[in-house]
Amino acid sequence: MAQHRIIGTRQESFGEPRVHSHVVIVATEKVAGYSKQWTITQVYNAMDQGDTFFTHGEKSQQDAAVEKYRCPLCDEKTLRSAATAVTDNNLDSLPACR
């Protein structure tokens, strides 16, 4: 079981039934400086194996857990920050990864 700090996201627009965005890629950083980009499927598989994902706010110095989330609008799998997230550790506030 490993912990992965998410440092960036890639979001894409989905159009049905109305236009909205989802996280489709996350970038993580490990203590040793190794970074990796993950698809939602890879994150879900890692979570199913016991890995956890989180964000960290530089300003707030608070961590927020990242959870599996199925969009109620289009039924696509995506991710969301836990309800305890604050502005600077929310997935939507992280920089875009390429």
PDB file of N, CA and C in Angstrom:
ATOM      1  N   MET A   1       0.855  -1.177   0.000  1.00  0.00           N
ATOM      2  CA  MET A   1       0.000   0.000   0.000  1.00  0.00           C
ATOM      3  C   MET A   1       0.895   1.232   0.000  1.00  0.00           C
ATOM      4  N   ALA A   2       0.655   2.088  -0.948  1.00  0.00           N
ATOM      5  CA  ALA A   2       1.467   3.295  -1.091  1.00  0.00           C
ATOM      6  C   ALA A   2       0.563   4.521  -1.039  1.00  0.00           C
ATOM      7  N   GLN A   3       1.182   5.638  -0.677  1.00  0.00           N
ATOM      8  CA  GLN A   3       0.492   6.922  -0.706  1.00  0.00           C
ATOM      9  C   GLN A   3       1.063   7.716  -1.862  1.00  0.00           C
ATOM     10  N   HIS A   4       0.185   8.411  -2.591  1.00  0.00           N
ATOM     11  CA  HIS A   4       0.585   9.177  -3.748  1.00  0.00           C
ATOM     12  C   HIS A   4       0.041  10.597  -3.625  1.00  0.00           C
ATOM     13  N   ARG A   5       0.924  11.564  -3.681  1.00  0.00           N
ATOM     14  CA  ARG A   5       0.506  12.969  -3.632  1.00  0.00           C
ATOM     15  C   ARG A   5       0.252  13.452  -5.053  1.00  0.00           C
ATOM     16  N   ILE A   6      -0.966  13.896  -5.301  1.00  0.00           N
ATOM     17  CA  ILE A   6      -1.324  14.441  -6.609  1.00  0.00           C
ATOM     18  C   ILE A   6      -0.891  15.898  -6.660  1.00  0.00           C
ATOM     19  N   ILE A   7      -0.129  16.240  -7.710  1.00  0.00           N
ATOM     20  CA  ILE A   7       0.393  17.610  -7.844  1.00  0.00           C
ATOM     21  C   ILE A   7      -0.172  18.336  -9.060  1.00  0.00           C
ATOM     22  N   GLY A   8      -0.939  17.646  -9.896  1.00  0.00           N
ATOM     23  CA  GLY A   8      -1.542  18.285 -11.062  1.00  0.00           C
ATOM     24  C   GLY A   8      -2.611  17.399 -11.655  1.00  0.00           C
ATOM     25  N   THR A   9      -3.475  17.985 -12.466  1.00  0.00           N
ATOM     26  CA  THR A   9      -4.554  17.238 -13.110  1.00  0.00           C
ATOM     27  C   THR A   9      -4.706  17.672 -14.554  1.00  0.00           C
ATOM     28  N   ARG A  10      -5.314  16.812 -15.332  1.00  0.00           N
ATOM     29  CA  ARG A  10      -5.794  17.181 -16.670  1.00  0.00           C
ATOM     30  C   ARG A  10      -7.288  16.939 -16.643  1.00  0.00           C
ATOM     31  N   GLN A  11      -8.025  17.958 -17.051  1.00  0.00           N
ATOM     32  CA  GLN A  11      -9.482  17.834 -17.076  1.00  0.00           C
ATOM     33  C   GLN A  11      -9.971  17.948 -18.517  1.00  0.00           C
ATOM     34  N   GLU A  12     -11.029  17.244 -18.814  1.00  0.00           N
ATOM     35  CA  GLU A  12     -11.656  17.307 -20.131  1.00  0.00           C
ATOM     36  C   GLU A  12     -13.132  17.602 -19.965  1.00  0.00           C
ATOM     37  N   SER A  13     -13.697  18.229 -20.984  1.00  0.00           N
ATOM     38  CA  SER A  13     -15.125  18.534 -20.977  1.00  0.00           C
ATOM     39  C   SER A  13     -15.923  17.350 -21.485  1.00  0.00           C
ATOM     40  N   PHE A  14     -17.048  17.139 -20.866  1.00  0.00           N
ATOM     41  CA  PHE A  14     -18.014  16.141 -21.285  1.00  0.00           C
ATOM     42  C   PHE A  14     -19.297  16.892 -21.604  1.00  0.00           C
ATOM     43  N   GLY A  15     -20.019  16.485 -22.631  1.00  0.00           N
ATOM     44  CA  GLY A  15     -21.143  17.279 -23.100  1.00  0.00           C
ATOM     45  C   GLY A  15     -22.523  16.761 -22.814  1.00  0.00           C
ATOM     46  N   GLU A  16     -22.639  15.580 -22.279  1.00  0.00           N
ATOM     47  CA  GLU A  16     -23.974  15.024 -22.071  1.00  0.00           C
ATOM     48  C   GLU A  16     -24.238  14.830 -20.587  1.00  0.00           C
ATOM     49  N   PRO A  17     -25.347  15.160 -20.042  1.00  0.00           N
ATOM     50  CA  PRO A  17     -26.442  15.844 -20.705  1.00  0.00           C
ATOM     51  C   PRO A  17     -26.210  17.352 -20.812  1.00  0.00           C
ATOM     52  N   ARG A  18     -25.224  17.880 -20.096  1.00  0.00           N
ATOM     53  CA  ARG A  18     -24.834  19.285 -20.276  1.00  0.00           C
ATOM     54  C   ARG A  18     -23.324  19.365 -20.103  1.00  0.00           C
ATOM     55  N   VAL A  19     -22.716  20.408 -20.596  1.00  0.00           N
ATOM     56  CA  VAL A  19     -21.260  20.531 -20.573  1.00  0.00           C
ATOM     57  C   VAL A  19     -20.754  20.637 -19.138  1.00  0.00           C
ATOM     58  N   HIS A  20     -19.787  19.793 -18.807  1.00  0.00           N
ATOM     59  CA  HIS A  20     -19.155  19.796 -17.495  1.00  0.00           C
ATOM     60  C   HIS A  20     -17.777  19.158 -17.636  1.00  0.00           C
ATOM     61  N   SER A  21     -16.915  19.312 -16.634  1.00  0.00           N
ATOM     62  CA  SER A  21     -15.548  18.801 -16.707  1.00  0.00           C
ATOM     63  C   SER A  21     -15.315  17.679 -15.718  1.00  0.00           C
ATOM     64  N   HIS A  22     -14.343  16.818 -16.082  1.00  0.00           N
ATOM     65  CA  HIS A  22     -13.915  15.725 -15.220  1.00  0.00           C
ATOM     66  C   HIS A  22     -12.402  15.670 -15.201  1.00  0.00           C
ATOM     67  N   VAL A  23     -11.840  15.244 -14.094  1.00  0.00           N
ATOM     68  CA  VAL A  23     -10.427  14.906 -14.034  1.00  0.00           C
ATOM     69  C   VAL A  23     -10.247  13.602 -14.801  1.00  0.00           C
ATOM     70  N   VAL A  24      -9.309  13.581 -15.776  1.00  0.00           N
ATOM     71  CA  VAL A  24      -9.073  12.368 -16.561  1.00  0.00           C
ATOM     72  C   VAL A  24      -7.639  11.848 -16.409  1.00  0.00           C
ATOM     73  N   ILE A  25      -6.729  12.701 -15.954  1.00  0.00           N
ATOM     74  CA  ILE A  25      -5.324  12.332 -15.714  1.00  0.00           C
ATOM     75  C   ILE A  25      -4.885  13.040 -14.443  1.00  0.00           C
ATOM     76  N   VAL A  26      -4.104  12.369 -13.609  1.00  0.00           N
ATOM     77  CA  VAL A  26      -3.464  13.035 -12.467  1.00  0.00           C
ATOM     78  C   VAL A  26      -1.963  12.805 -12.547  1.00  0.00           C
ATOM     79  N   ALA A  27      -1.221  13.770 -12.056  1.00  0.00           N
ATOM     80  CA  ALA A  27       0.229  13.636 -11.950  1.00  0.00           C
ATOM     81  C   ALA A  27       0.568  13.536 -10.475  1.00  0.00           C
ATOM     82  N   THR A  28       1.432  12.586 -10.140  1.00  0.00           N
ATOM     83  CA  THR A  28       1.815  12.398  -8.743  1.00  0.00           C
ATOM     84  C   THR A  28       3.303  12.629  -8.577  1.00  0.00           C
ATOM     85  N   GLU A  29       3.670  12.895  -7.336  1.00  0.00           N
ATOM     86  CA  GLU A  29       5.069  13.103  -6.978  1.00  0.00           C
ATOM     87  C   GLU A  29       5.373  12.253  -5.759  1.00  0.00           C
ATOM     88  N   LYS A  30       6.509  11.610  -5.779  1.00  0.00           N
ATOM     89  CA  LYS A  30       6.942  10.835  -4.619  1.00  0.00           C
ATOM     90  C   LYS A  30       8.081  11.569  -3.934  1.00  0.00           C
ATOM     91  N   VAL A  31       8.388  11.168  -2.739  1.00  0.00           N
ATOM     92  CA  VAL A  31       9.430  11.808  -1.940  1.00  0.00           C
ATOM     93  C   VAL A  31      10.767  11.857  -2.685  1.00  0.00           C
ATOM     94  N   ALA A  32      11.092  10.810  -3.408  1.00  0.00           N
ATOM     95  CA  ALA A  32      12.375  10.753  -4.114  1.00  0.00           C
ATOM     96  C   ALA A  32      12.380  11.591  -5.390  1.00  0.00           C
ATOM     97  N   GLY A  33      11.297  12.308  -5.683  1.00  0.00           N
ATOM     98  CA  GLY A  33      11.254  13.160  -6.849  1.00  0.00           C
ATOM     99  C   GLY A  33      10.714  12.481  -8.091  1.00  0.00           C
ATOM    100  N   TYR A  34      10.380  11.202  -8.009  1.00  0.00           N
ATOM    101  CA  TYR A  34       9.809  10.481  -9.137  1.00  0.00           C
ATOM    102  C   TYR A  34       8.398  10.975  -9.369  1.00  0.00           C
ATOM    103  N   SER A  35       8.066  11.218 -10.599  1.00  0.00           N
ATOM    104  CA  SER A  35       6.696  11.621 -10.888  1.00  0.00           C
ATOM    105  C   SER A  35       6.118  10.732 -11.975  1.00  0.00           C
ATOM    106  N   LYS A  36       4.809  10.646 -11.981  1.00  0.00           N
ATOM    107  CA  LYS A  36       4.114   9.757 -12.896  1.00  0.00           C
ATOM    108  C   LYS A  36       2.767  10.358 -13.233  1.00  0.00           C
ATOM    109  N   GLN A  37       2.302  10.104 -14.448  1.00  0.00           N
ATOM    110  CA  GLN A  37       0.939  10.469 -14.803  1.00  0.00           C
ATOM    111  C   GLN A  37       0.089   9.202 -14.810  1.00  0.00           C
ATOM    112  N   TRP A  38      -1.104   9.325 -14.262  1.00  0.00           N
ATOM    113  CA  TRP A  38      -2.016   8.194 -14.092  1.00  0.00           C
ATOM    114  C   TRP A  38      -3.334   8.489 -14.794  1.00  0.00           C
ATOM    115  N   THR A  39      -3.889   7.489 -15.445  1.00  0.00           N
ATOM    116  CA  THR A  39      -5.262   7.593 -15.936  1.00  0.00           C
ATOM    117  C   THR A  39      -6.202   7.302 -14.772  1.00  0.00           C
ATOM    118  N   ILE A  40      -7.460   7.622 -14.969  1.00  0.00           N
ATOM    119  CA  ILE A  40      -8.456   7.325 -13.929  1.00  0.00           C
ATOM    120  C   ILE A  40      -8.516   5.823 -13.671  1.00  0.00           C
ATOM    121  N   THR A  41      -8.444   5.010 -14.713  1.00  0.00           N
ATOM    122  CA  THR A  41      -8.463   3.556 -14.539  1.00  0.00           C
ATOM    123  C   THR A  41      -7.283   3.091 -13.697  1.00  0.00           C
ATOM    124  N   GLN A  42      -6.101   3.639 -13.945  1.00  0.00           N
ATOM    125  CA  GLN A  42      -4.923   3.262 -13.155  1.00  0.00           C
ATOM    126  C   GLN A  42      -5.079   3.673 -11.693  1.00  0.00           C
ATOM    127  N   VAL A  43      -5.635   4.860 -11.450  1.00  0.00           N
ATOM    128  CA  VAL A  43      -5.864   5.308 -10.069  1.00  0.00           C
ATOM    129  C   VAL A  43      -6.871   4.380  -9.386  1.00  0.00           C
ATOM    130  N   TYR A  44      -7.968   4.061 -10.056  1.00  0.00           N
ATOM    131  CA  TYR A  44      -8.965   3.162  -9.482  1.00  0.00           C
ATOM    132  C   TYR A  44      -8.344   1.803  -9.153  1.00  0.00           C
ATOM    133  N   ASN A  45      -7.553   1.263 -10.074  1.00  0.00           N
ATOM    134  CA  ASN A  45      -6.902  -0.029  -9.829  1.00  0.00           C
ATOM    135  C   ASN A  45      -5.960   0.038  -8.637  1.00  0.00           C
ATOM    136  N   ALA A  46      -5.190   1.107  -8.524  1.00  0.00           N
ATOM    137  CA  ALA A  46      -4.281   1.271  -7.384  1.00  0.00           C
ATOM    138  C   ALA A  46      -5.070   1.386  -6.078  1.00  0.00           C
ATOM    139  N   MET A  47      -6.166   2.135  -6.107  1.00  0.00           N
ATOM    140  CA  MET A  47      -7.005   2.256  -4.911  1.00  0.00           C
ATOM    141  C   MET A  47      -7.586   0.895  -4.520  1.00  0.00           C
ATOM    142  N   ASP A  48      -7.979   0.110  -5.502  1.00  0.00           N
ATOM    143  CA  ASP A  48      -8.522  -1.222  -5.225  1.00  0.00           C
ATOM    144  C   ASP A  48      -7.481  -2.132  -4.582  1.00  0.00           C
ATOM    145  N   GLN A  49      -6.199  -1.839  -4.810  1.00  0.00           N
ATOM    146  CA  GLN A  49      -5.102  -2.602  -4.213  1.00  0.00           C
ATOM    147  C   GLN A  49      -4.662  -2.020  -2.867  1.00  0.00           C
ATOM    148  N   GLY A  50      -5.329  -0.941  -2.413  1.00  0.00           N
ATOM    149  CA  GLY A  50      -5.033  -0.367  -1.106  1.00  0.00           C
ATOM    150  C   GLY A  50      -4.229   0.915  -1.124  1.00  0.00           C
ATOM    151  N   ASP A  51      -3.815   1.397  -2.307  1.00  0.00           N
ATOM    152  CA  ASP A  51      -3.089   2.664  -2.373  1.00  0.00           C
ATOM    153  C   ASP A  51      -4.041   3.818  -2.070  1.00  0.00           C
ATOM    154  N   THR A  52      -3.479   4.898  -1.557  1.00  0.00           N
ATOM    155  CA  THR A  52      -4.266   6.102  -1.311  1.00  0.00           C
ATOM    156  C   THR A  52      -3.661   7.263  -2.081  1.00  0.00           C
ATOM    157  N   PHE A  53      -4.513   8.219  -2.429  1.00  0.00           N
ATOM    158  CA  PHE A  53      -4.112   9.412  -3.154  1.00  0.00           C
ATOM    159  C   PHE A  53      -4.573  10.614  -2.343  1.00  0.00           C
ATOM    160  N   PHE A  54      -3.773  11.680  -2.381  1.00  0.00           N
ATOM    161  CA  PHE A  54      -4.121  12.875  -1.629  1.00  0.00           C
ATOM    162  C   PHE A  54      -3.536  14.095  -2.316  1.00  0.00           C
ATOM    163  N   THR A  55      -3.996  15.257  -1.897  1.00  0.00           N
ATOM    164  CA  THR A  55      -3.422  16.527  -2.329  1.00  0.00           C
ATOM    165  C   THR A  55      -2.903  17.240  -1.089  1.00  0.00           C
ATOM    166  N   HIS A  56      -2.052  18.228  -1.311  1.00  0.00           N
ATOM    167  CA  HIS A  56      -1.498  19.010  -0.206  1.00  0.00           C
ATOM    168  C   HIS A  56      -1.512  20.475  -0.595  1.00  0.00           C
ATOM    169  N   GLY A  57      -2.072  21.290   0.257  1.00  0.00           N
ATOM    170  CA  GLY A  57      -2.105  22.730   0.009  1.00  0.00           C
ATOM    171  C   GLY A  57      -0.857  23.394   0.562  1.00  0.00           C
ATOM    172  N   GLU A  58      -0.113  24.069  -0.289  1.00  0.00           N
ATOM    173  CA  GLU A  58       1.114  24.740   0.156  1.00  0.00           C
ATOM    174  C   GLU A  58       0.804  25.884   1.122  1.00  0.00           C
ATOM    175  N   LYS A  59      -0.250  26.613   0.854  1.00  0.00           N
ATOM    176  CA  LYS A  59      -0.605  27.743   1.713  1.00  0.00           C
ATOM    177  C   LYS A  59      -1.248  27.275   3.020  1.00  0.00           C
ATOM    178  N   SER A  60      -2.205  26.369   2.910  1.00  0.00           N
ATOM    179  CA  SER A  60      -2.928  25.909   4.099  1.00  0.00           C
ATOM    180  C   SER A  60      -2.157  24.865   4.892  1.00  0.00           C
ATOM    181  N   GLN A  61      -1.205  24.196   4.215  1.00  0.00           N
ATOM    182  CA  GLN A  61      -0.455  23.087   4.818  1.00  0.00           C
ATOM    183  C   GLN A  61      -1.370  21.945   5.246  1.00  0.00           C
ATOM    184  N   GLN A  62      -2.505  21.796   4.543  1.00  0.00           N
ATOM    185  CA  GLN A  62      -3.458  20.733   4.839  1.00  0.00           C
ATOM    186  C   GLN A  62      -3.508  19.720   3.694  1.00  0.00           C
ATOM    187  N   ASP A  63      -3.665  18.462   4.058  1.00  0.00           N
ATOM    188  CA  ASP A  63      -3.857  17.402   3.081  1.00  0.00           C
ATOM    189  C   ASP A  63      -5.349  17.162   2.900  1.00  0.00           C
ATOM    190  N   ALA A  64      -5.706  16.670   1.708  1.00  0.00           N
ATOM    191  CA  ALA A  64      -7.087  16.254   1.448  1.00  0.00           C
ATOM    192  C   ALA A  64      -7.042  14.914   0.731  1.00  0.00           C
ATOM    193  N   ALA A  65      -7.834  13.981   1.199  1.00  0.00           N
ATOM    194  CA  ALA A  65      -7.929  12.678   0.539  1.00  0.00           C
ATOM    195  C   ALA A  65      -8.601  12.858  -0.819  1.00  0.00           C
ATOM    196  N   VAL A  66      -8.258  11.975  -1.741  1.00  0.00           N
ATOM    197  CA  VAL A  66      -8.895  11.942  -3.060  1.00  0.00           C
ATOM    198  C   VAL A  66      -9.707  10.653  -3.125  1.00  0.00           C
ATOM    199  N   GLU A  67     -10.923  10.777  -3.633  1.00  0.00           N
ATOM    200  CA  GLU A  67     -11.865   9.664  -3.635  1.00  0.00           C
ATOM    201  C   GLU A  67     -12.329   9.330  -5.056  1.00  0.00           C
ATOM    202  N   LYS A  68     -12.711   8.074  -5.237  1.00  0.00           N
ATOM    203  CA  LYS A  68     -13.396   7.681  -6.465  1.00  0.00           C
ATOM    204  C   LYS A  68     -14.725   8.426  -6.505  1.00  0.00           C
ATOM    205  N   TYR A  69     -15.148   8.759  -7.718  1.00  0.00           N
ATOM    206  CA  TYR A  69     -16.421   9.470  -7.851  1.00  0.00           C
ATOM    207  C   TYR A  69     -17.026   9.141  -9.211  1.00  0.00           C
ATOM    208  N   ARG A  70     -18.278   8.786  -9.222  1.00  0.00           N
ATOM    209  CA  ARG A  70     -18.992   8.541 -10.480  1.00  0.00           C
ATOM    210  C   ARG A  70     -19.911   9.732 -10.713  1.00  0.00           C
ATOM    211  N   CYS A  71     -19.708  10.404 -11.837  1.00  0.00           N
ATOM    212  CA  CYS A  71     -20.461  11.619 -12.149  1.00  0.00           C
ATOM    213  C   CYS A  71     -21.958  11.313 -12.249  1.00  0.00           C
ATOM    214  N   PRO A  72     -22.781  12.057 -11.505  1.00  0.00           N
ATOM    215  CA  PRO A  72     -24.222  11.820 -11.561  1.00  0.00           C
ATOM    216  C   PRO A  72     -24.854  12.300 -12.877  1.00  0.00           C
ATOM    217  N   LEU A  73     -24.147  13.152 -13.626  1.00  0.00           N
ATOM    218  CA  LEU A  73     -24.689  13.650 -14.888  1.00  0.00           C
ATOM    219  C   LEU A  73     -24.492  12.676 -16.041  1.00  0.00           C
ATOM    220  N   CYS A  74     -23.283  12.073 -16.124  1.00  0.00           N
ATOM    221  CA  CYS A  74     -22.985  11.237 -17.292  1.00  0.00           C
ATOM    222  C   CYS A  74     -22.538   9.826 -16.930  1.00  0.00           C
ATOM    223  N   ASP A  75     -22.428   9.523 -15.647  1.00  0.00           N
ATOM    224  CA  ASP A  75     -22.075   8.198 -15.153  1.00  0.00           C
ATOM    225  C   ASP A  75     -20.623   7.805 -15.450  1.00  0.00           C
ATOM    226  N   GLU A  76     -19.750   8.771 -15.787  1.00  0.00           N
ATOM    227  CA  GLU A  76     -18.334   8.493 -16.022  1.00  0.00           C
ATOM    228  C   GLU A  76     -17.595   8.419 -14.686  1.00  0.00           C
ATOM    229  N   LYS A  77     -16.566   7.571 -14.650  1.00  0.00           N
ATOM    230  CA  LYS A  77     -15.694   7.498 -13.477  1.00  0.00           C
ATOM    231  C   LYS A  77     -14.739   8.687 -13.489  1.00  0.00           C
ATOM    232  N   THR A  78     -14.564   9.302 -12.331  1.00  0.00           N
ATOM    233  CA  THR A  78     -13.621  10.399 -12.169  1.00  0.00           C
ATOM    234  C   THR A  78     -13.169  10.405 -10.717  1.00  0.00           C
ATOM    235  N   LEU A  79     -12.569  11.500 -10.288  1.00  0.00           N
ATOM    236  CA  LEU A  79     -12.082  11.647  -8.916  1.00  0.00           C
ATOM    237  C   LEU A  79     -12.595  12.942  -8.330  1.00  0.00           C
ATOM    238  N   ARG A  80     -12.621  12.998  -7.007  1.00  0.00           N
ATOM    239  CA  ARG A  80     -12.950  14.247  -6.334  1.00  0.00           C
ATOM    240  C   ARG A  80     -12.161  14.331  -5.037  1.00  0.00           C
ATOM    241  N   SER A  81     -12.019  15.555  -4.551  1.00  0.00           N
ATOM    242  CA  SER A  81     -11.388  15.785  -3.253  1.00  0.00           C
ATOM    243  C   SER A  81     -12.404  15.480  -2.168  1.00  0.00           C
ATOM    244  N   ALA A  82     -11.913  15.034  -1.019  1.00  0.00           N
ATOM    245  CA  ALA A  82     -12.793  14.774   0.119  1.00  0.00           C
ATOM    246  C   ALA A  82     -13.469  16.068   0.558  1.00  0.00           C
ATOM    247  N   ALA A  83     -14.551  15.919   1.264  1.00  0.00           N
ATOM    248  CA  ALA A  83     -15.324  17.078   1.728  1.00  0.00           C
ATOM    249  C   ALA A  83     -14.510  18.008   2.618  1.00  0.00           C
ATOM    250  N   THR A  84     -13.420  17.516   3.196  1.00  0.00           N
ATOM    251  CA  THR A  84     -12.583  18.350   4.072  1.00  0.00           C
ATOM    252  C   THR A  84     -11.609  19.231   3.293  1.00  0.00           C
ATOM    253  N   ALA A  85     -11.606  19.131   1.973  1.00  0.00           N
ATOM    254  CA  ALA A  85     -10.669  19.926   1.161  1.00  0.00           C
ATOM    255  C   ALA A  85     -10.932  21.417   1.328  1.00  0.00           C
ATOM    256  N   VAL A  86      -9.863  22.193   1.230  1.00  0.00           N
ATOM    257  CA  VAL A  86      -9.947  23.649   1.216  1.00  0.00           C
ATOM    258  C   VAL A  86      -9.488  24.109  -0.170  1.00  0.00           C
ATOM    259  N   THR A  87      -9.541  25.397  -0.430  1.00  0.00           N
ATOM    260  CA  THR A  87      -9.278  25.907  -1.775  1.00  0.00           C
ATOM    261  C   THR A  87      -7.953  25.443  -2.349  1.00  0.00           C
ATOM    262  N   ASP A  88      -6.866  25.533  -1.598  1.00  0.00           N
ATOM    263  CA  ASP A  88      -5.564  25.250  -2.226  1.00  0.00           C
ATOM    264  C   ASP A  88      -5.199  23.769  -2.291  1.00  0.00           C
ATOM    265  N   ASN A  89      -5.999  22.887  -1.709  1.00  0.00           N
ATOM    266  CA  ASN A  89      -5.711  21.462  -1.848  1.00  0.00           C
ATOM    267  C   ASN A  89      -6.825  20.718  -2.583  1.00  0.00           C
ATOM    268  N   ASN A  90      -7.724  21.446  -3.197  1.00  0.00           N
ATOM    269  CA  ASN A  90      -8.811  20.860  -3.971  1.00  0.00           C
ATOM    270  C   ASN A  90      -8.272  20.455  -5.339  1.00  0.00           C
ATOM    271  N   LEU A  91      -8.683  19.306  -5.867  1.00  0.00           N
ATOM    272  CA  LEU A  91      -8.233  18.862  -7.187  1.00  0.00           C
ATOM    273  C   LEU A  91      -8.444  19.936  -8.257  1.00  0.00           C
ATOM    274  N   ASP A  92      -9.534  20.667  -8.169  1.00  0.00           N
ATOM    275  CA  ASP A  92      -9.830  21.686  -9.175  1.00  0.00           C
ATOM    276  C   ASP A  92      -8.883  22.880  -9.096  1.00  0.00           C
ATOM    277  N   SER A  93      -8.151  23.031  -8.009  1.00  0.00           N
ATOM    278  CA  SER A  93      -7.233  24.155  -7.840  1.00  0.00           C
ATOM    279  C   SER A  93      -5.792  23.811  -8.210  1.00  0.00           C
ATOM    280  N   LEU A  94      -5.514  22.552  -8.490  1.00  0.00           N
ATOM    281  CA  LEU A  94      -4.148  22.151  -8.814  1.00  0.00           C
ATOM    282  C   LEU A  94      -3.773  22.580 -10.231  1.00  0.00           C
ATOM    283  N   PRO A  95      -2.485  22.759 -10.485  1.00  0.00           N
ATOM    284  CA  PRO A  95      -2.059  23.135 -11.829  1.00  0.00           C
ATOM    285  C   PRO A  95      -2.388  22.045 -12.849  1.00  0.00           C
ATOM    286  N   ALA A  96      -2.512  22.451 -14.093  1.00  0.00           N
ATOM    287  CA  ALA A  96      -2.754  21.494 -15.173  1.00  0.00           C
ATOM    288  C   ALA A  96      -1.470  20.755 -15.482  1.00  0.00           C
ATOM    289  N   CYS A  97      -1.583  19.453 -15.699  1.00  0.00           N
ATOM    290  CA  CYS A  97      -0.423  18.670 -16.133  1.00  0.00           C
ATOM    291  C   CYS A  97      -0.574  18.413 -17.625  1.00  0.00           C
ATOM    292  N   ARG A  98       0.539  18.256 -18.269  1.00  0.00           N
ATOM    293  CA  ARG A  98       0.525  18.048 -19.732  1.00  0.00           C
ATOM    294  C   ARG A  98       0.626  16.600 -20.071  1.00  0.00           C
TER     295      ARG A  98
END
